[in-house]
Amino acid sequence: MQMILLCVILSILISIIFGQFYMWQASKLLTMQLKEVEKITTGVIDAVKQKLGIH
């Protein structure tokens, strides 16, 4: 009985740790993508400003 409980607790801990790691990886990826989008957006806005003659 105690062995089963230990296994359950262990598996819960592992899933939490892996979940945290996955979330961290995902948020890192999302941050990178947001930075890329920001760069592209800034580039587009700059191009539009140049076309319109606004600096």
PDB file of N, CA and C in Angstrom:
ATOM      1  N   MET A   1       0.829  -1.202   0.000  1.00  0.00           N
ATOM      2  CA  MET A   1       0.000   0.000   0.000  1.00  0.00           C
ATOM      3  C   MET A   1       0.870   1.262   0.000  1.00  0.00           C
ATOM      4  N   GLN A   2       1.883   1.263   0.851  1.00  0.00           N
ATOM      5  CA  GLN A   2       2.748   2.434   0.954  1.00  0.00           C
ATOM      6  C   GLN A   2       3.543   2.658  -0.341  1.00  0.00           C
ATOM      7  N   MET A   3       3.909   1.550  -0.986  1.00  0.00           N
ATOM      8  CA  MET A   3       4.667   1.612  -2.232  1.00  0.00           C
ATOM      9  C   MET A   3       3.855   2.312  -3.313  1.00  0.00           C
ATOM     10  N   ILE A   4       2.558   1.978  -3.388  1.00  0.00           N
ATOM     11  CA  ILE A   4       1.669   2.574  -4.388  1.00  0.00           C
ATOM     12  C   ILE A   4       1.565   4.076  -4.155  1.00  0.00           C
ATOM     13  N   LEU A   5       1.395   4.455  -2.886  1.00  0.00           N
ATOM     14  CA  LEU A   5       1.288   5.864  -2.520  1.00  0.00           C
ATOM     15  C   LEU A   5       2.547   6.622  -2.914  1.00  0.00           C
ATOM     16  N   LEU A   6       3.688   5.999  -2.668  1.00  0.00           N
ATOM     17  CA  LEU A   6       4.979   6.597  -3.005  1.00  0.00           C
ATOM     18  C   LEU A   6       5.079   6.812  -4.513  1.00  0.00           C
ATOM     19  N   CYS A   7       4.665   5.829  -5.280  1.00  0.00           N
ATOM     20  CA  CYS A   7       4.708   5.921  -6.742  1.00  0.00           C
ATOM     21  C   CYS A   7       3.800   7.038  -7.241  1.00  0.00           C
ATOM     22  N   VAL A   8       2.615   7.146  -6.636  1.00  0.00           N
ATOM     23  CA  VAL A   8       1.659   8.187  -7.036  1.00  0.00           C
ATOM     24  C   VAL A   8       2.243   9.562  -6.758  1.00  0.00           C
ATOM     25  N   ILE A   9       2.805   9.751  -5.564  1.00  0.00           N
ATOM     26  CA  ILE A   9       3.398  11.039  -5.189  1.00  0.00           C
ATOM     27  C   ILE A   9       4.556  11.375  -6.119  1.00  0.00           C
ATOM     28  N   LEU A  10       5.378  10.359  -6.410  1.00  0.00           N
ATOM     29  CA  LEU A  10       6.529  10.543  -7.290  1.00  0.00           C
ATOM     30  C   LEU A  10       6.074  10.966  -8.685  1.00  0.00           C
ATOM     31  N   SER A  11       5.057  10.291  -9.200  1.00  0.00           N
ATOM     32  CA  SER A  11       4.582  10.612 -10.553  1.00  0.00           C
ATOM     33  C   SER A  11       3.971  12.009 -10.610  1.00  0.00           C
ATOM     34  N   ILE A  12       3.291  12.409  -9.527  1.00  0.00           N
ATOM     35  CA  ILE A  12       2.715  13.757  -9.470  1.00  0.00           C
ATOM     36  C   ILE A  12       3.828  14.793  -9.475  1.00  0.00           C
ATOM     37  N   LEU A  13       4.868  14.553  -8.673  1.00  0.00           N
ATOM     38  CA  LEU A  13       6.008  15.464  -8.608  1.00  0.00           C
ATOM     39  C   LEU A  13       6.677  15.592  -9.968  1.00  0.00           C
ATOM     40  N   ILE A  14       6.894  14.451 -10.619  1.00  0.00           N
ATOM     41  CA  ILE A  14       7.542  14.449 -11.933  1.00  0.00           C
ATOM     42  C   ILE A  14       6.703  15.225 -12.943  1.00  0.00           C
ATOM     43  N   SER A  15       5.401  14.992 -12.926  1.00  0.00           N
ATOM     44  CA  SER A  15       4.531  15.686 -13.884  1.00  0.00           C
ATOM     45  C   SER A  15       4.525  17.187 -13.625  1.00  0.00           C
ATOM     46  N   ILE A  16       4.576  17.602 -12.345  1.00  0.00           N
ATOM     47  CA  ILE A  16       4.621  19.031 -12.011  1.00  0.00           C
ATOM     48  C   ILE A  16       5.923  19.638 -12.520  1.00  0.00           C
ATOM     49  N   ILE A  17       7.044  18.945 -12.266  1.00  0.00           N
ATOM     50  CA  ILE A  17       8.353  19.439 -12.694  1.00  0.00           C
ATOM     51  C   ILE A  17       8.409  19.565 -14.212  1.00  0.00           C
ATOM     52  N   PHE A  18       7.952  18.506 -14.907  1.00  0.00           N
ATOM     53  CA  PHE A  18       7.967  18.542 -16.365  1.00  0.00           C
ATOM     54  C   PHE A  18       7.004  19.592 -16.896  1.00  0.00           C
ATOM     55  N   GLY A  19       5.874  19.769 -16.216  1.00  0.00           N
ATOM     56  CA  GLY A  19       4.894  20.779 -16.600  1.00  0.00           C
ATOM     57  C   GLY A  19       5.491  22.166 -16.501  1.00  0.00           C
ATOM     58  N   GLN A  20       6.197  22.419 -15.384  1.00  0.00           N
ATOM     59  CA  GLN A  20       6.844  23.716 -15.177  1.00  0.00           C
ATOM     60  C   GLN A  20       7.883  23.960 -16.261  1.00  0.00           C
ATOM     61  N   PHE A  21       8.689  22.932 -16.546  1.00  0.00           N
ATOM     62  CA  PHE A  21       9.734  23.041 -17.556  1.00  0.00           C
ATOM     63  C   PHE A  21       9.123  23.326 -18.922  1.00  0.00           C
ATOM     64  N   TYR A  22       8.027  22.608 -19.228  1.00  0.00           N
ATOM     65  CA  TYR A  22       7.365  22.789 -20.515  1.00  0.00           C
ATOM     66  C   TYR A  22       6.802  24.204 -20.628  1.00  0.00           C
ATOM     67  N   MET A  23       6.175  24.676 -19.545  1.00  0.00           N
ATOM     68  CA  MET A  23       5.605  26.024 -19.540  1.00  0.00           C
ATOM     69  C   MET A  23       6.702  27.066 -19.734  1.00  0.00           C
ATOM     70  N   TRP A  24       7.846  26.828 -19.077  1.00  0.00           N
ATOM     71  CA  TRP A  24       8.966  27.752 -19.183  1.00  0.00           C
ATOM     72  C   TRP A  24       9.483  27.798 -20.617  1.00  0.00           C
ATOM     73  N   GLN A  25       9.618  26.614 -21.231  1.00  0.00           N
ATOM     74  CA  GLN A  25      10.070  26.526 -22.624  1.00  0.00           C
ATOM     75  C   GLN A  25       9.077  27.232 -23.546  1.00  0.00           C
ATOM     76  N   ALA A  26       7.792  26.974 -23.320  1.00  0.00           N
ATOM     77  CA  ALA A  26       6.745  27.559 -24.155  1.00  0.00           C
ATOM     78  C   ALA A  26       6.737  29.077 -24.032  1.00  0.00           C
ATOM     79  N   SER A  27       6.884  29.575 -22.797  1.00  0.00           N
ATOM     80  CA  SER A  27       6.865  31.027 -22.606  1.00  0.00           C
ATOM     81  C   SER A  27       8.104  31.672 -23.217  1.00  0.00           C
ATOM     82  N   LYS A  28       9.235  30.939 -23.170  1.00  0.00           N
ATOM     83  CA  LYS A  28      10.461  31.446 -23.775  1.00  0.00           C
ATOM     84  C   LYS A  28      10.268  31.559 -25.288  1.00  0.00           C
ATOM     85  N   LEU A  29       9.646  30.532 -25.860  1.00  0.00           N
ATOM     86  CA  LEU A  29       9.386  30.502 -27.297  1.00  0.00           C
ATOM     87  C   LEU A  29       8.436  31.633 -27.680  1.00  0.00           C
ATOM     88  N   LEU A  30       7.402  31.823 -26.854  1.00  0.00           N
ATOM     89  CA  LEU A  30       6.410  32.859 -27.104  1.00  0.00           C
ATOM     90  C   LEU A  30       7.059  34.236 -27.052  1.00  0.00           C
ATOM     91  N   THR A  31       7.941  34.441 -26.077  1.00  0.00           N
ATOM     92  CA  THR A  31       8.642  35.717 -25.938  1.00  0.00           C
ATOM     93  C   THR A  31       9.474  35.996 -27.177  1.00  0.00           C
ATOM     94  N   MET A  32      10.164  34.950 -27.679  1.00  0.00           N
ATOM     95  CA  MET A  32      10.977  35.092 -28.880  1.00  0.00           C
ATOM     96  C   MET A  32      10.105  35.478 -30.072  1.00  0.00           C
ATOM     97  N   GLN A  33       8.947  34.810 -30.200  1.00  0.00           N
ATOM     98  CA  GLN A  33       8.042  35.100 -31.313  1.00  0.00           C
ATOM     99  C   GLN A  33       7.491  36.518 -31.216  1.00  0.00           C
ATOM    100  N   LEU A  34       7.169  36.947 -29.988  1.00  0.00           N
ATOM    101  CA  LEU A  34       6.653  38.300 -29.791  1.00  0.00           C
ATOM    102  C   LEU A  34       7.692  39.334 -30.175  1.00  0.00           C
ATOM    103  N   LYS A  35       8.962  39.051 -29.839  1.00  0.00           N
ATOM    104  CA  LYS A  35      10.045  39.968 -30.199  1.00  0.00           C
ATOM    105  C   LYS A  35      10.174  40.066 -31.712  1.00  0.00           C
ATOM    106  N   GLU A  36      10.040  38.911 -32.396  1.00  0.00           N
ATOM    107  CA  GLU A  36      10.104  38.893 -33.858  1.00  0.00           C
ATOM    108  C   GLU A  36       8.966  39.723 -34.445  1.00  0.00           C
ATOM    109  N   VAL A  37       7.759  39.510 -33.923  1.00  0.00           N
ATOM    110  CA  VAL A  37       6.580  40.248 -34.400  1.00  0.00           C
ATOM    111  C   VAL A  37       6.783  41.744 -34.192  1.00  0.00           C
ATOM    112  N   GLU A  38       7.335  42.093 -33.023  1.00  0.00           N
ATOM    113  CA  GLU A  38       7.608  43.495 -32.696  1.00  0.00           C
ATOM    114  C   GLU A  38       8.581  44.096 -33.699  1.00  0.00           C
ATOM    115  N   LYS A  39       9.625  43.331 -34.020  1.00  0.00           N
ATOM    116  CA  LYS A  39      10.632  43.790 -34.989  1.00  0.00           C
ATOM    117  C   LYS A  39       9.990  44.039 -36.347  1.00  0.00           C
ATOM    118  N   ILE A  40       9.184  43.064 -36.793  1.00  0.00           N
ATOM    119  CA  ILE A  40       8.525  43.169 -38.098  1.00  0.00           C
ATOM    120  C   ILE A  40       7.585  44.366 -38.114  1.00  0.00           C
ATOM    121  N   THR A  41       6.791  44.501 -37.030  1.00  0.00           N
ATOM    122  CA  THR A  41       5.834  45.608 -36.932  1.00  0.00           C
ATOM    123  C   THR A  41       6.556  46.948 -36.985  1.00  0.00           C
ATOM    124  N   THR A  42       7.641  47.054 -36.224  1.00  0.00           N
ATOM    125  CA  THR A  42       8.435  48.289 -36.214  1.00  0.00           C
ATOM    126  C   THR A  42       8.961  48.580 -37.614  1.00  0.00           C
ATOM    127  N   GLY A  43       9.438  47.544 -38.289  1.00  0.00           N
ATOM    128  CA  GLY A  43       9.946  47.696 -39.649  1.00  0.00           C
ATOM    129  C   GLY A  43       8.879  48.189 -40.599  1.00  0.00           C
ATOM    130  N   VAL A  44       7.687  47.618 -40.487  1.00  0.00           N
ATOM    131  CA  VAL A  44       6.573  48.014 -41.354  1.00  0.00           C
ATOM    132  C   VAL A  44       6.187  49.461 -41.082  1.00  0.00           C
ATOM    133  N   ILE A  45       6.080  49.817 -39.807  1.00  0.00           N
ATOM    134  CA  ILE A  45       5.713  51.189 -39.438  1.00  0.00           C
ATOM    135  C   ILE A  45       6.747  52.175 -39.961  1.00  0.00           C
ATOM    136  N   ASP A  46       8.028  51.836 -39.820  1.00  0.00           N
ATOM    137  CA  ASP A  46       9.100  52.696 -40.327  1.00  0.00           C
ATOM    138  C   ASP A  46       8.991  52.868 -41.845  1.00  0.00           C
ATOM    139  N   ALA A  47       8.715  51.762 -42.542  1.00  0.00           N
ATOM    140  CA  ALA A  47       8.593  51.815 -44.001  1.00  0.00           C
ATOM    141  C   ALA A  47       7.435  52.712 -44.414  1.00  0.00           C
ATOM    142  N   VAL A  48       6.315  52.578 -43.695  1.00  0.00           N
ATOM    143  CA  VAL A  48       5.134  53.405 -43.992  1.00  0.00           C
ATOM    144  C   VAL A  48       5.453  54.868 -43.740  1.00  0.00           C
ATOM    145  N   LYS A  49       6.134  55.142 -42.614  1.00  0.00           N
ATOM    146  CA  LYS A  49       6.510  56.522 -42.285  1.00  0.00           C
ATOM    147  C   LYS A  49       7.409  57.106 -43.376  1.00  0.00           C
ATOM    148  N   GLN A  50       8.347  56.316 -43.864  1.00  0.00           N
ATOM    149  CA  GLN A  50       9.248  56.783 -44.919  1.00  0.00           C
ATOM    150  C   GLN A  50       8.462  57.086 -46.191  1.00  0.00           C
ATOM    151  N   LYS A  51       7.513  56.209 -46.522  1.00  0.00           N
ATOM    152  CA  LYS A  51       6.701  56.402 -47.730  1.00  0.00           C
ATOM    153  C   LYS A  51       5.875  57.687 -47.622  1.00  0.00           C
ATOM    154  N   LEU A  52       5.379  57.946 -46.413  1.00  0.00           N
ATOM    155  CA  LEU A  52       4.564  59.129 -46.194  1.00  0.00           C
ATOM    156  C   LEU A  52       5.398  60.374 -45.946  1.00  0.00           C
ATOM    157  N   GLY A  53       6.690  60.166 -45.711  1.00  0.00           N
ATOM    158  CA  GLY A  53       7.574  61.284 -45.476  1.00  0.00           C
ATOM    159  C   GLY A  53       7.563  61.766 -44.029  1.00  0.00           C
ATOM    160  N   ILE A  54       7.080  60.910 -43.100  1.00  0.00           N
ATOM    161  CA  ILE A  54       7.075  61.261 -41.678  1.00  0.00           C
ATOM    162  C   ILE A  54       8.301  60.614 -41.034  1.00  0.00           C
ATOM    163  N   HIS A  55       9.055  61.390 -40.265  1.00  0.00           N
ATOM    164  CA  HIS A  55      10.231  60.813 -39.607  1.00  0.00           C
ATOM    165  C   HIS A  55      10.164  61.013 -38.118  1.00  0.00           C
TER     166      HIS A  55
END
